[in-house]
Amino acid sequence: MSSTDFALGHFVHTLLLVVMVHWSIAVDNAHCINSAEYIAGLLQCLYCFTQLFFIFNYSNLIILKHKNILRVAFLHVMAGNICLWLAAVTTETRIAFRAYEALKKNHTAHNGTNT
């Protein structure tokens, strides 16, 4: 997998999370949202879009000078995207765990027993 794959996957994931929060504001009229998380999601979308723009725009560049510095820069981009991907995996796990706990709590409330 290349850095572009990780960046594109993280961009789509972050965009879906931002849309989910925005949908809960617009439709459910939620008053208890974390606005810092919403703004951070928007900034992450902007970061990923900018990164993808530079990756696609300068993908055909032939580098003749300062190869070692540019290798470090490219590895930094890849490492950053892998870390963002791992953060997305933990975020999805946290959301699924919260949904499972809410479902479990709702199920025990309807049954009246703790199974």
PDB file of N, CA and C in Angstrom:
ATOM      1  N   MET A   1       0.845  -1.181   0.000  1.00  0.00           N
ATOM      2  CA  MET A   1       0.000   0.000   0.000  1.00  0.00           C
ATOM      3  C   MET A   1       0.888   1.240   0.000  1.00  0.00           C
ATOM      4  N   SER A   2       0.427   2.237  -0.682  1.00  0.00           N
ATOM      5  CA  SER A   2       1.198   3.468  -0.744  1.00  0.00           C
ATOM      6  C   SER A   2       0.621   4.501   0.217  1.00  0.00           C
ATOM      7  N   SER A   3       1.326   5.585   0.327  1.00  0.00           N
ATOM      8  CA  SER A   3       0.886   6.673   1.197  1.00  0.00           C
ATOM      9  C   SER A   3      -0.435   7.258   0.713  1.00  0.00           C
ATOM     10  N   THR A   4      -0.629   7.229  -0.592  1.00  0.00           N
ATOM     11  CA  THR A   4      -1.867   7.749  -1.164  1.00  0.00           C
ATOM     12  C   THR A   4      -3.067   6.930  -0.702  1.00  0.00           C
ATOM     13  N   ASP A   5      -2.903   5.629  -0.618  1.00  0.00           N
ATOM     14  CA  ASP A   5      -4.011   4.777  -0.171  1.00  0.00           C
ATOM     15  C   ASP A   5      -4.413   5.100   1.267  1.00  0.00           C
ATOM     16  N   PHE A   6      -3.417   5.245   2.130  1.00  0.00           N
ATOM     17  CA  PHE A   6      -3.713   5.579   3.525  1.00  0.00           C
ATOM     18  C   PHE A   6      -4.342   6.964   3.640  1.00  0.00           C
ATOM     19  N   ALA A   7      -3.822   7.928   2.884  1.00  0.00           N
ATOM     20  CA  ALA A   7      -4.356   9.288   2.935  1.00  0.00           C
ATOM     21  C   ALA A   7      -5.784   9.330   2.409  1.00  0.00           C
ATOM     22  N   LEU A   8      -6.043   8.631   1.318  1.00  0.00           N
ATOM     23  CA  LEU A   8      -7.393   8.615   0.756  1.00  0.00           C
ATOM     24  C   LEU A   8      -8.372   7.915   1.692  1.00  0.00           C
ATOM     25  N   GLY A   9      -7.943   6.800   2.270  1.00  0.00           N
ATOM     26  CA  GLY A   9      -8.805   6.100   3.227  1.00  0.00           C
ATOM     27  C   GLY A   9      -9.096   6.938   4.455  1.00  0.00           C
ATOM     28  N   HIS A  10      -8.094   7.636   4.962  1.00  0.00           N
ATOM     29  CA  HIS A  10      -8.321   8.486   6.129  1.00  0.00           C
ATOM     30  C   HIS A  10      -9.202   9.676   5.771  1.00  0.00           C
ATOM     31  N   PHE A  11      -9.035  10.217   4.572  1.00  0.00           N
ATOM     32  CA  PHE A  11      -9.875  11.338   4.146  1.00  0.00           C
ATOM     33  C   PHE A  11     -11.339  10.914   4.083  1.00  0.00           C
ATOM     34  N   VAL A  12     -11.612   9.766   3.504  1.00  0.00           N
ATOM     35  CA  VAL A  12     -12.998   9.278   3.407  1.00  0.00           C
ATOM     36  C   VAL A  12     -13.562   8.997   4.805  1.00  0.00           C
ATOM     37  N   HIS A  13     -12.779   8.376   5.659  1.00  0.00           N
ATOM     38  CA  HIS A  13     -13.243   8.059   7.013  1.00  0.00           C
ATOM     39  C   HIS A  13     -13.548   9.330   7.807  1.00  0.00           C
ATOM     40  N   THR A  14     -12.655  10.299   7.755  1.00  0.00           N
ATOM     41  CA  THR A  14     -12.868  11.546   8.484  1.00  0.00           C
ATOM     42  C   THR A  14     -14.053  12.303   7.926  1.00  0.00           C
ATOM     43  N   LEU A  15     -14.215  12.289   6.627  1.00  0.00           N
ATOM     44  CA  LEU A  15     -15.364  12.945   6.010  1.00  0.00           C
ATOM     45  C   LEU A  15     -16.664  12.293   6.458  1.00  0.00           C
ATOM     46  N   LEU A  16     -16.684  10.971   6.554  1.00  0.00           N
ATOM     47  CA  LEU A  16     -17.884  10.285   7.035  1.00  0.00           C
ATOM     48  C   LEU A  16     -18.177  10.633   8.491  1.00  0.00           C
ATOM     49  N   LEU A  17     -17.146  10.729   9.321  1.00  0.00           N
ATOM     50  CA  LEU A  17     -17.364  11.114  10.714  1.00  0.00           C
ATOM     51  C   LEU A  17     -17.899  12.535  10.832  1.00  0.00           C
ATOM     52  N   VAL A  18     -17.372  13.442  10.035  1.00  0.00           N
ATOM     53  CA  VAL A  18     -17.855  14.828  10.064  1.00  0.00           C
ATOM     54  C   VAL A  18     -19.298  14.903   9.591  1.00  0.00           C
ATOM     55  N   VAL A  19     -19.621  14.151   8.551  1.00  0.00           N
ATOM     56  CA  VAL A  19     -21.007  14.127   8.058  1.00  0.00           C
ATOM     57  C   VAL A  19     -21.934  13.531   9.118  1.00  0.00           C
ATOM     58  N   MET A  20     -21.476  12.506   9.828  1.00  0.00           N
ATOM     59  CA  MET A  20     -22.295  11.898  10.886  1.00  0.00           C
ATOM     60  C   MET A  20     -22.580  12.901  12.003  1.00  0.00           C
ATOM     61  N   VAL A  21     -21.564  13.660  12.410  1.00  0.00           N
ATOM     62  CA  VAL A  21     -21.771  14.669  13.456  1.00  0.00           C
ATOM     63  C   VAL A  21     -22.672  15.783  12.941  1.00  0.00           C
ATOM     64  N   HIS A  22     -22.442  16.216  11.708  1.00  0.00           N
ATOM     65  CA  HIS A  22     -23.275  17.270  11.130  1.00  0.00           C
ATOM     66  C   HIS A  22     -24.724  16.805  10.987  1.00  0.00           C
ATOM     67  N   TRP A  23     -24.916  15.561  10.620  1.00  0.00           N
ATOM     68  CA  TRP A  23     -26.271  15.010  10.490  1.00  0.00           C
ATOM     69  C   TRP A  23     -26.973  14.975  11.843  1.00  0.00           C
ATOM     70  N   SER A  24     -26.224  14.637  12.897  1.00  0.00           N
ATOM     71  CA  SER A  24     -26.841  14.599  14.220  1.00  0.00           C
ATOM     72  C   SER A  24     -27.211  16.001  14.687  1.00  0.00           C
ATOM     73  N   ILE A  25     -26.448  17.003  14.239  1.00  0.00           N
ATOM     74  CA  ILE A  25     -26.810  18.382  14.589  1.00  0.00           C
ATOM     75  C   ILE A  25     -28.060  18.806  13.825  1.00  0.00           C
ATOM     76  N   ALA A  26     -28.095  18.539  12.527  1.00  0.00           N
ATOM     77  CA  ALA A  26     -29.179  19.026  11.674  1.00  0.00           C
ATOM     78  C   ALA A  26     -30.475  18.271  11.892  1.00  0.00           C
ATOM     79  N   VAL A  27     -30.418  16.942  11.966  1.00  0.00           N
ATOM     80  CA  VAL A  27     -31.635  16.147  12.017  1.00  0.00           C
ATOM     81  C   VAL A  27     -32.114  15.917  13.448  1.00  0.00           C
ATOM     82  N   ASP A  28     -31.199  15.461  14.296  1.00  0.00           N
ATOM     83  CA  ASP A  28     -31.584  15.123  15.657  1.00  0.00           C
ATOM     84  C   ASP A  28     -31.622  16.331  16.579  1.00  0.00           C
ATOM     85  N   ASN A  29     -31.142  17.468  16.098  1.00  0.00           N
ATOM     86  CA  ASN A  29     -31.092  18.690  16.887  1.00  0.00           C
ATOM     87  C   ASN A  29     -30.336  18.442  18.190  1.00  0.00           C
ATOM     88  N   ALA A  30     -29.197  17.779  18.079  1.00  0.00           N
ATOM     89  CA  ALA A  30     -28.399  17.422  19.245  1.00  0.00           C
ATOM     90  C   ALA A  30     -27.705  18.662  19.802  1.00  0.00           C
ATOM     91  N   HIS A  31     -27.803  18.818  21.098  1.00  0.00           N
ATOM     92  CA  HIS A  31     -27.168  19.955  21.756  1.00  0.00           C
ATOM     93  C   HIS A  31     -25.889  19.538  22.479  1.00  0.00           C
ATOM     94  N   CYS A  32     -25.671  18.247  22.630  1.00  0.00           N
ATOM     95  CA  CYS A  32     -24.538  17.750  23.412  1.00  0.00           C
ATOM     96  C   CYS A  32     -23.447  17.172  22.517  1.00  0.00           C
ATOM     97  N   ILE A  33     -23.041  17.889  21.507  1.00  0.00           N
ATOM     98  CA  ILE A  33     -21.949  17.378  20.665  1.00  0.00           C
ATOM     99  C   ILE A  33     -20.649  18.045  21.087  1.00  0.00           C
ATOM    100  N   ASN A  34     -19.574  17.386  20.792  1.00  0.00           N
ATOM    101  CA  ASN A  34     -18.263  17.920  21.093  1.00  0.00           C
ATOM    102  C   ASN A  34     -17.820  18.771  19.909  1.00  0.00           C
ATOM    103  N   SER A  35     -17.904  20.080  20.070  1.00  0.00           N
ATOM    104  CA  SER A  35     -17.580  20.967  18.947  1.00  0.00           C
ATOM    105  C   SER A  35     -16.095  20.913  18.597  1.00  0.00           C
ATOM    106  N   ALA A  36     -15.245  20.647  19.577  1.00  0.00           N
ATOM    107  CA  ALA A  36     -13.812  20.536  19.287  1.00  0.00           C
ATOM    108  C   ALA A  36     -13.536  19.331  18.390  1.00  0.00           C
ATOM    109  N   GLU A  37     -14.250  18.229  18.621  1.00  0.00           N
ATOM    110  CA  GLU A  37     -14.084  17.050  17.772  1.00  0.00           C
ATOM    111  C   GLU A  37     -14.586  17.319  16.360  1.00  0.00           C
ATOM    112  N   TYR A  38     -15.651  18.085  16.239  1.00  0.00           N
ATOM    113  CA  TYR A  38     -16.198  18.449  14.931  1.00  0.00           C
ATOM    114  C   TYR A  38     -15.206  19.318  14.153  1.00  0.00           C
ATOM    115  N   ILE A  39     -14.636  20.316  14.822  1.00  0.00           N
ATOM    116  CA  ILE A  39     -13.671  21.202  14.182  1.00  0.00           C
ATOM    117  C   ILE A  39     -12.392  20.435  13.841  1.00  0.00           C
ATOM    118  N   ALA A  40     -11.964  19.551  14.738  1.00  0.00           N
ATOM    119  CA  ALA A  40     -10.770  18.742  14.461  1.00  0.00           C
ATOM    120  C   ALA A  40     -11.001  17.847  13.243  1.00  0.00           C
ATOM    121  N   GLY A  41     -12.204  17.309  13.093  1.00  0.00           N
ATOM    122  CA  GLY A  41     -12.523  16.504  11.916  1.00  0.00           C
ATOM    123  C   GLY A  41     -12.451  17.318  10.638  1.00  0.00           C
ATOM    124  N   LEU A  42     -12.967  18.542  10.690  1.00  0.00           N
ATOM    125  CA  LEU A  42     -12.895  19.411   9.515  1.00  0.00           C
ATOM    126  C   LEU A  42     -11.445  19.754   9.168  1.00  0.00           C
ATOM    127  N   LEU A  43     -10.637  20.014  10.182  1.00  0.00           N
ATOM    128  CA  LEU A  43      -9.227  20.317   9.937  1.00  0.00           C
ATOM    129  C   LEU A  43      -8.475  19.098   9.415  1.00  0.00           C
ATOM    130  N   GLN A  44      -8.827  17.901   9.895  1.00  0.00           N
ATOM    131  CA  GLN A  44      -8.196  16.692   9.371  1.00  0.00           C
ATOM    132  C   GLN A  44      -8.572  16.464   7.915  1.00  0.00           C
ATOM    133  N   CYS A  45      -9.822  16.771   7.560  1.00  0.00           N
ATOM    134  CA  CYS A  45     -10.226  16.666   6.150  1.00  0.00           C
ATOM    135  C   CYS A  45      -9.413  17.632   5.289  1.00  0.00           C
ATOM    136  N   LEU A  46      -9.227  18.842   5.773  1.00  0.00           N
ATOM    137  CA  LEU A  46      -8.434  19.822   5.043  1.00  0.00           C
ATOM    138  C   LEU A  46      -6.985  19.365   4.912  1.00  0.00           C
ATOM    139  N   TYR A  47      -6.413  18.802   5.986  1.00  0.00           N
ATOM    140  CA  TYR A  47      -5.045  18.292   5.964  1.00  0.00           C
ATOM    141  C   TYR A  47      -4.900  17.159   4.950  1.00  0.00           C
ATOM    142  N   CYS A  48      -5.816  16.207   4.979  1.00  0.00           N
ATOM    143  CA  CYS A  48      -5.738  15.076   4.050  1.00  0.00           C
ATOM    144  C   CYS A  48      -5.933  15.520   2.609  1.00  0.00           C
ATOM    145  N   PHE A  49      -6.848  16.451   2.389  1.00  0.00           N
ATOM    146  CA  PHE A  49      -7.063  16.954   1.037  1.00  0.00           C
ATOM    147  C   PHE A  49      -5.807  17.646   0.515  1.00  0.00           C
ATOM    148  N   THR A  50      -5.175  18.470   1.346  1.00  0.00           N
ATOM    149  CA  THR A  50      -3.950  19.157   0.938  1.00  0.00           C
ATOM    150  C   THR A  50      -2.839  18.157   0.656  1.00  0.00           C
ATOM    151  N   GLN A  51      -2.727  17.155   1.515  1.00  0.00           N
ATOM    152  CA  GLN A  51      -1.700  16.139   1.332  1.00  0.00           C
ATOM    153  C   GLN A  51      -1.938  15.346   0.038  1.00  0.00           C
ATOM    154  N   LEU A  52      -3.173  14.952  -0.197  1.00  0.00           N
ATOM    155  CA  LEU A  52      -3.488  14.231  -1.435  1.00  0.00           C
ATOM    156  C   LEU A  52      -3.247  15.101  -2.661  1.00  0.00           C
ATOM    157  N   PHE A  53      -3.550  16.385  -2.554  1.00  0.00           N
ATOM    158  CA  PHE A  53      -3.314  17.300  -3.666  1.00  0.00           C
ATOM    159  C   PHE A  53      -1.836  17.329  -4.029  1.00  0.00           C
ATOM    160  N   PHE A  54      -0.971  17.434  -3.013  1.00  0.00           N
ATOM    161  CA  PHE A  54       0.463  17.475  -3.292  1.00  0.00           C
ATOM    162  C   PHE A  54       0.982  16.136  -3.782  1.00  0.00           C
ATOM    163  N   ILE A  55       0.465  15.046  -3.246  1.00  0.00           N
ATOM    164  CA  ILE A  55       0.917  13.723  -3.707  1.00  0.00           C
ATOM    165  C   ILE A  55       0.559  13.522  -5.175  1.00  0.00           C
ATOM    166  N   PHE A  56      -0.678  13.845  -5.557  1.00  0.00           N
ATOM    167  CA  PHE A  56      -1.093  13.660  -6.944  1.00  0.00           C
ATOM    168  C   PHE A  56      -0.473  14.701  -7.875  1.00  0.00           C
ATOM    169  N   ASN A  57      -0.336  15.925  -7.402  1.00  0.00           N
ATOM    170  CA  ASN A  57       0.178  16.988  -8.251  1.00  0.00           C
ATOM    171  C   ASN A  57       1.658  16.798  -8.578  1.00  0.00           C
ATOM    172  N   TYR A  58       2.437  16.322  -7.609  1.00  0.00           N
ATOM    173  CA  TYR A  58       3.871  16.189  -7.804  1.00  0.00           C
ATOM    174  C   TYR A  58       4.316  14.729  -7.868  1.00  0.00           C
ATOM    175  N   SER A  59       3.464  13.845  -8.308  1.00  0.00           N
ATOM    176  CA  SER A  59       3.811  12.426  -8.347  1.00  0.00           C
ATOM    177  C   SER A  59       4.781  12.084  -9.473  1.00  0.00           C
ATOM    178  N   ASN A  60       4.839  12.890 -10.507  1.00  0.00           N
ATOM    179  CA  ASN A  60       5.718  12.592 -11.632  1.00  0.00           C
ATOM    180  C   ASN A  60       7.029  13.380 -11.581  1.00  0.00           C
ATOM    181  N   LEU A  61       7.382  13.901 -10.439  1.00  0.00           N
ATOM    182  CA  LEU A  61       8.594  14.681 -10.266  1.00  0.00           C
ATOM    183  C   LEU A  61       9.819  13.775 -10.251  1.00  0.00           C
ATOM    184  N   ILE A  62      10.869  14.168 -10.944  1.00  0.00           N
ATOM    185  CA  ILE A  62      12.137  13.443 -10.921  1.00  0.00           C
ATOM    186  C   ILE A  62      13.097  14.238 -10.042  1.00  0.00           C
ATOM    187  N   ILE A  63      13.568  13.599  -9.000  1.00  0.00           N
ATOM    188  CA  ILE A  63      14.397  14.287  -8.017  1.00  0.00           C
ATOM    189  C   ILE A  63      15.858  13.935  -8.271  1.00  0.00           C
ATOM    190  N   LEU A  64      16.683  14.963  -8.464  1.00  0.00           N
ATOM    191  CA  LEU A  64      18.100  14.753  -8.730  1.00  0.00           C
ATOM    192  C   LEU A  64      18.986  15.244  -7.586  1.00  0.00           C
ATOM    193  N   LYS A  65      18.508  16.207  -6.821  1.00  0.00           N
ATOM    194  CA  LYS A  65      19.285  16.759  -5.713  1.00  0.00           C
ATOM    195  C   LYS A  65      18.567  16.499  -4.392  1.00  0.00           C
ATOM    196  N   HIS A  66      19.338  16.416  -3.336  1.00  0.00           N
ATOM    197  CA  HIS A  66      18.815  16.266  -1.973  1.00  0.00           C
ATOM    198  C   HIS A  66      17.911  15.047  -1.830  1.00  0.00           C
ATOM    199  N   LYS A  67      18.335  13.931  -2.378  1.00  0.00           N
ATOM    200  CA  LYS A  67      17.522  12.712  -2.356  1.00  0.00           C
ATOM    201  C   LYS A  67      17.272  12.216  -0.939  1.00  0.00           C
ATOM    202  N   ASN A  68      18.286  12.285  -0.078  1.00  0.00           N
ATOM    203  CA  ASN A  68      18.129  11.760   1.282  1.00  0.00           C
ATOM    204  C   ASN A  68      17.114  12.567   2.092  1.00  0.00           C
ATOM    205  N   ILE A  69      17.141  13.878   1.946  1.00  0.00           N
ATOM    206  CA  ILE A  69      16.188  14.727   2.661  1.00  0.00           C
ATOM    207  C   ILE A  69      14.773  14.444   2.181  1.00  0.00           C
ATOM    208  N   LEU A  70      14.598  14.285   0.890  1.00  0.00           N
ATOM    209  CA  LEU A  70      13.269  14.030   0.350  1.00  0.00           C
ATOM    210  C   LEU A  70      12.775  12.627   0.693  1.00  0.00           C
ATOM    211  N   ARG A  71      13.681  11.672   0.829  1.00  0.00           N
ATOM    212  CA  ARG A  71      13.274  10.339   1.287  1.00  0.00           C
ATOM    213  C   ARG A  71      12.740  10.404   2.705  1.00  0.00           C
ATOM    214  N   VAL A  72      13.427  11.166   3.564  1.00  0.00           N
ATOM    215  CA  VAL A  72      12.957  11.332   4.946  1.00  0.00           C
ATOM    216  C   VAL A  72      11.592  12.014   4.952  1.00  0.00           C
ATOM    217  N   ALA A  73      11.414  13.013   4.104  1.00  0.00           N
ATOM    218  CA  ALA A  73      10.124  13.706   4.035  1.00  0.00           C
ATOM    219  C   ALA A  73       9.021  12.756   3.573  1.00  0.00           C
ATOM    220  N   PHE A  74       9.313  11.938   2.565  1.00  0.00           N
ATOM    221  CA  PHE A  74       8.308  10.998   2.074  1.00  0.00           C
ATOM    222  C   PHE A  74       7.981   9.944   3.133  1.00  0.00           C
ATOM    223  N   LEU A  75       9.020   9.455   3.829  1.00  0.00           N
ATOM    224  CA  LEU A  75       8.764   8.487   4.901  1.00  0.00           C
ATOM    225  C   LEU A  75       7.969   9.120   6.036  1.00  0.00           C
ATOM    226  N   HIS A  76       8.190  10.404   6.272  1.00  0.00           N
ATOM    227  CA  HIS A  76       7.397  11.107   7.280  1.00  0.00           C
ATOM    228  C   HIS A  76       5.925  11.170   6.876  1.00  0.00           C
ATOM    229  N   VAL A  77       5.671  11.427   5.619  1.00  0.00           N
ATOM    230  CA  VAL A  77       4.292  11.444   5.121  1.00  0.00           C
ATOM    231  C   VAL A  77       3.655  10.062   5.281  1.00  0.00           C
ATOM    232  N   MET A  78       4.390   9.020   4.914  1.00  0.00           N
ATOM    233  CA  MET A  78       3.846   7.661   5.051  1.00  0.00           C
ATOM    234  C   MET A  78       3.596   7.295   6.504  1.00  0.00           C
ATOM    235  N   ALA A  79       4.542   7.612   7.386  1.00  0.00           N
ATOM    236  CA  ALA A  79       4.373   7.292   8.805  1.00  0.00           C
ATOM    237  C   ALA A  79       3.201   8.066   9.401  1.00  0.00           C
ATOM    238  N   GLY A  80       3.048   9.312   8.993  1.00  0.00           N
ATOM    239  CA  GLY A  80       1.912  10.102   9.469  1.00  0.00           C
ATOM    240  C   GLY A  80       0.584   9.516   9.023  1.00  0.00           C
ATOM    241  N   ASN A  81       0.523   9.061   7.787  1.00  0.00           N
ATOM    242  CA  ASN A  81      -0.715   8.467   7.284  1.00  0.00           C
ATOM    243  C   ASN A  81      -1.020   7.134   7.955  1.00  0.00           C
ATOM    244  N   ILE A  82       0.001   6.346   8.239  1.00  0.00           N
ATOM    245  CA  ILE A  82      -0.228   5.078   8.939  1.00  0.00           C
ATOM    246  C   ILE A  82      -0.724   5.345  10.353  1.00  0.00           C
ATOM    247  N   CYS A  83      -0.153   6.357  11.018  1.00  0.00           N
ATOM    248  CA  CYS A  83      -0.626   6.705  12.368  1.00  0.00           C
ATOM    249  C   CYS A  83      -2.069   7.208  12.329  1.00  0.00           C
ATOM    250  N   LEU A  84      -2.415   7.993  11.332  1.00  0.00           N
ATOM    251  CA  LEU A  84      -3.797   8.461  11.210  1.00  0.00           C
ATOM    252  C   LEU A  84      -4.737   7.295  10.920  1.00  0.00           C
ATOM    253  N   TRP A  85      -4.272   6.322  10.168  1.00  0.00           N
ATOM    254  CA  TRP A  85      -5.088   5.146   9.889  1.00  0.00           C
ATOM    255  C   TRP A  85      -5.316   4.340  11.160  1.00  0.00           C
ATOM    256  N   LEU A  86      -4.270   4.177  11.967  1.00  0.00           N
ATOM    257  CA  LEU A  86      -4.434   3.468  13.242  1.00  0.00           C
ATOM    258  C   LEU A  86      -5.367   4.232  14.179  1.00  0.00           C
ATOM    259  N   ALA A  87      -5.294   5.550  14.157  1.00  0.00           N
ATOM    260  CA  ALA A  87      -6.223   6.356  14.954  1.00  0.00           C
ATOM    261  C   ALA A  87      -7.657   6.165  14.469  1.00  0.00           C
ATOM    262  N   ALA A  88      -7.843   6.026  13.169  1.00  0.00           N
ATOM    263  CA  ALA A  88      -9.186   5.780  12.633  1.00  0.00           C
ATOM    264  C   ALA A  88      -9.712   4.420  13.075  1.00  0.00           C
ATOM    265  N   VAL A  89      -8.834   3.418  13.123  1.00  0.00           N
ATOM    266  CA  VAL A  89      -9.252   2.089  13.580  1.00  0.00           C
ATOM    267  C   VAL A  89      -9.680   2.148  15.041  1.00  0.00           C
ATOM    268  N   THR A  90      -8.920   2.853  15.876  1.00  0.00           N
ATOM    269  CA  THR A  90      -9.302   2.957  17.291  1.00  0.00           C
ATOM    270  C   THR A  90     -10.577   3.767  17.469  1.00  0.00           C
ATOM    271  N   THR A  91     -10.773   4.787  16.641  1.00  0.00           N
ATOM    272  CA  THR A  91     -12.012   5.571  16.711  1.00  0.00           C
ATOM    273  C   THR A  91     -13.214   4.713  16.360  1.00  0.00           C
ATOM    274  N   GLU A  92     -13.104   3.923  15.301  1.00  0.00           N
ATOM    275  CA  GLU A  92     -14.211   3.051  14.920  1.00  0.00           C
ATOM    276  C   GLU A  92     -14.480   1.988  15.989  1.00  0.00           C
ATOM    277  N   THR A  93     -13.430   1.484  16.618  1.00  0.00           N
ATOM    278  CA  THR A  93     -13.609   0.503  17.687  1.00  0.00           C
ATOM    279  C   THR A  93     -14.321   1.141  18.872  1.00  0.00           C
ATOM    280  N   ARG A  94     -13.940   2.371  19.213  1.00  0.00           N
ATOM    281  CA  ARG A  94     -14.590   3.080  20.310  1.00  0.00           C
ATOM    282  C   ARG A  94     -16.069   3.337  20.005  1.00  0.00           C
ATOM    283  N   ILE A  95     -16.379   3.718  18.781  1.00  0.00           N
ATOM    284  CA  ILE A  95     -17.778   3.972  18.402  1.00  0.00           C
ATOM    285  C   ILE A  95     -18.582   2.679  18.451  1.00  0.00           C
ATOM    286  N   ALA A  96     -18.004   1.593  17.959  1.00  0.00           N
ATOM    287  CA  ALA A  96     -18.709   0.304  17.996  1.00  0.00           C
ATOM    288  C   ALA A  96     -18.911  -0.169  19.427  1.00  0.00           C
ATOM    289  N   PHE A  97     -17.934   0.058  20.294  1.00  0.00           N
ATOM    290  CA  PHE A  97     -18.071  -0.346  21.693  1.00  0.00           C
ATOM    291  C   PHE A  97     -19.158   0.461  22.384  1.00  0.00           C
ATOM    292  N   ARG A  98     -19.225   1.771  22.102  1.00  0.00           N
ATOM    293  CA  ARG A  98     -20.296   2.603  22.680  1.00  0.00           C
ATOM    294  C   ARG A  98     -21.667   2.148  22.193  1.00  0.00           C
ATOM    295  N   ALA A  99     -21.776   1.816  20.920  1.00  0.00           N
ATOM    296  CA  ALA A  99     -23.055   1.341  20.385  1.00  0.00           C
ATOM    297  C   ALA A  99     -23.442   0.011  21.009  1.00  0.00           C
ATOM    298  N   TYR A 100     -22.475  -0.868  21.209  1.00  0.00           N
ATOM    299  CA  TYR A 100     -22.747  -2.160  21.846  1.00  0.00           C
ATOM    300  C   TYR A 100     -23.195  -1.975  23.286  1.00  0.00           C
ATOM    301  N   GLU A 101     -22.542  -1.088  24.007  1.00  0.00           N
ATOM    302  CA  GLU A 101     -22.928  -0.828  25.397  1.00  0.00           C
ATOM    303  C   GLU A 101     -24.324  -0.214  25.471  1.00  0.00           C
ATOM    304  N   ALA A 102     -24.658   0.692  24.559  1.00  0.00           N
ATOM    305  CA  ALA A 102     -25.992   1.293  24.543  1.00  0.00           C
ATOM    306  C   ALA A 102     -27.041   0.248  24.205  1.00  0.00           C
ATOM    307  N   LEU A 103     -26.745  -0.634  23.260  1.00  0.00           N
ATOM    308  CA  LEU A 103     -27.673  -1.699  22.909  1.00  0.00           C
ATOM    309  C   LEU A 103     -27.857  -2.660  24.069  1.00  0.00           C
ATOM    310  N   LYS A 104     -26.780  -2.984  24.734  1.00  0.00           N
ATOM    311  CA  LYS A 104     -26.841  -3.883  25.882  1.00  0.00           C
ATOM    312  C   LYS A 104     -27.639  -3.254  27.017  1.00  0.00           C
ATOM    313  N   LYS A 105     -27.432  -1.962  27.255  1.00  0.00           N
ATOM    314  CA  LYS A 105     -28.158  -1.248  28.306  1.00  0.00           C
ATOM    315  C   LYS A 105     -29.641  -1.160  27.955  1.00  0.00           C
ATOM    316  N   ASN A 106     -29.951  -0.919  26.696  1.00  0.00           N
ATOM    317  CA  ASN A 106     -31.340  -0.845  26.246  1.00  0.00           C
ATOM    318  C   ASN A 106     -32.013  -2.209  26.350  1.00  0.00           C
ATOM    319  N   HIS A 107     -31.279  -3.264  26.037  1.00  0.00           N
ATOM    320  CA  HIS A 107     -31.827  -4.617  26.099  1.00  0.00           C
ATOM    321  C   HIS A 107     -32.133  -5.024  27.537  1.00  0.00           C
ATOM    322  N   THR A 108     -31.242  -4.689  28.464  1.00  0.00           N
ATOM    323  CA  THR A 108     -31.487  -5.048  29.867  1.00  0.00           C
ATOM    324  C   THR A 108     -32.600  -4.199  30.456  1.00  0.00           C
ATOM    325  N   ALA A 109     -32.783  -2.969  29.956  1.00  0.00           N
ATOM    326  CA  ALA A 109     -33.863  -2.121  30.469  1.00  0.00           C
ATOM    327  C   ALA A 109     -35.218  -2.663  30.025  1.00  0.00           C
ATOM    328  N   HIS A 110     -35.303  -3.235  28.838  1.00  0.00           N
ATOM    329  CA  HIS A 110     -36.573  -3.773  28.367  1.00  0.00           C
ATOM    330  C   HIS A 110     -36.900  -5.114  29.015  1.00  0.00           C
ATOM    331  N   ASN A 111     -35.886  -5.906  29.301  1.00  0.00           N
ATOM    332  CA  ASN A 111     -36.127  -7.213  29.919  1.00  0.00           C
ATOM    333  C   ASN A 111     -36.342  -7.120  31.422  1.00  0.00           C
ATOM    334  N   GLY A 112     -35.771  -6.123  32.031  1.00  0.00           N
ATOM    335  CA  GLY A 112     -35.895  -6.003  33.474  1.00  0.00           C
ATOM    336  C   GLY A 112     -34.925  -6.887  34.229  1.00  0.00           C
ATOM    337  N   THR A 113     -34.178  -7.681  33.533  1.00  0.00           N
ATOM    338  CA  THR A 113     -33.182  -8.551  34.175  1.00  0.00           C
ATOM    339  C   THR A 113     -31.832  -8.284  33.575  1.00  0.00           C
ATOM    340  N   ASN A 114     -30.833  -8.639  34.290  1.00  0.00           N
ATOM    341  CA  ASN A 114     -29.469  -8.466  33.815  1.00  0.00           C
ATOM    342  C   ASN A 114     -28.942  -9.812  33.354  1.00  0.00           C
ATOM    343  N   THR A 115     -28.906 -10.024  32.037  1.00  0.00           N
ATOM    344  CA  THR A 115     -28.470 -11.315  31.518  1.00  0.00           C
ATOM    345  C   THR A 115     -27.038 -11.260  31.094  1.00  0.00           C
TER     346      THR A 115
END
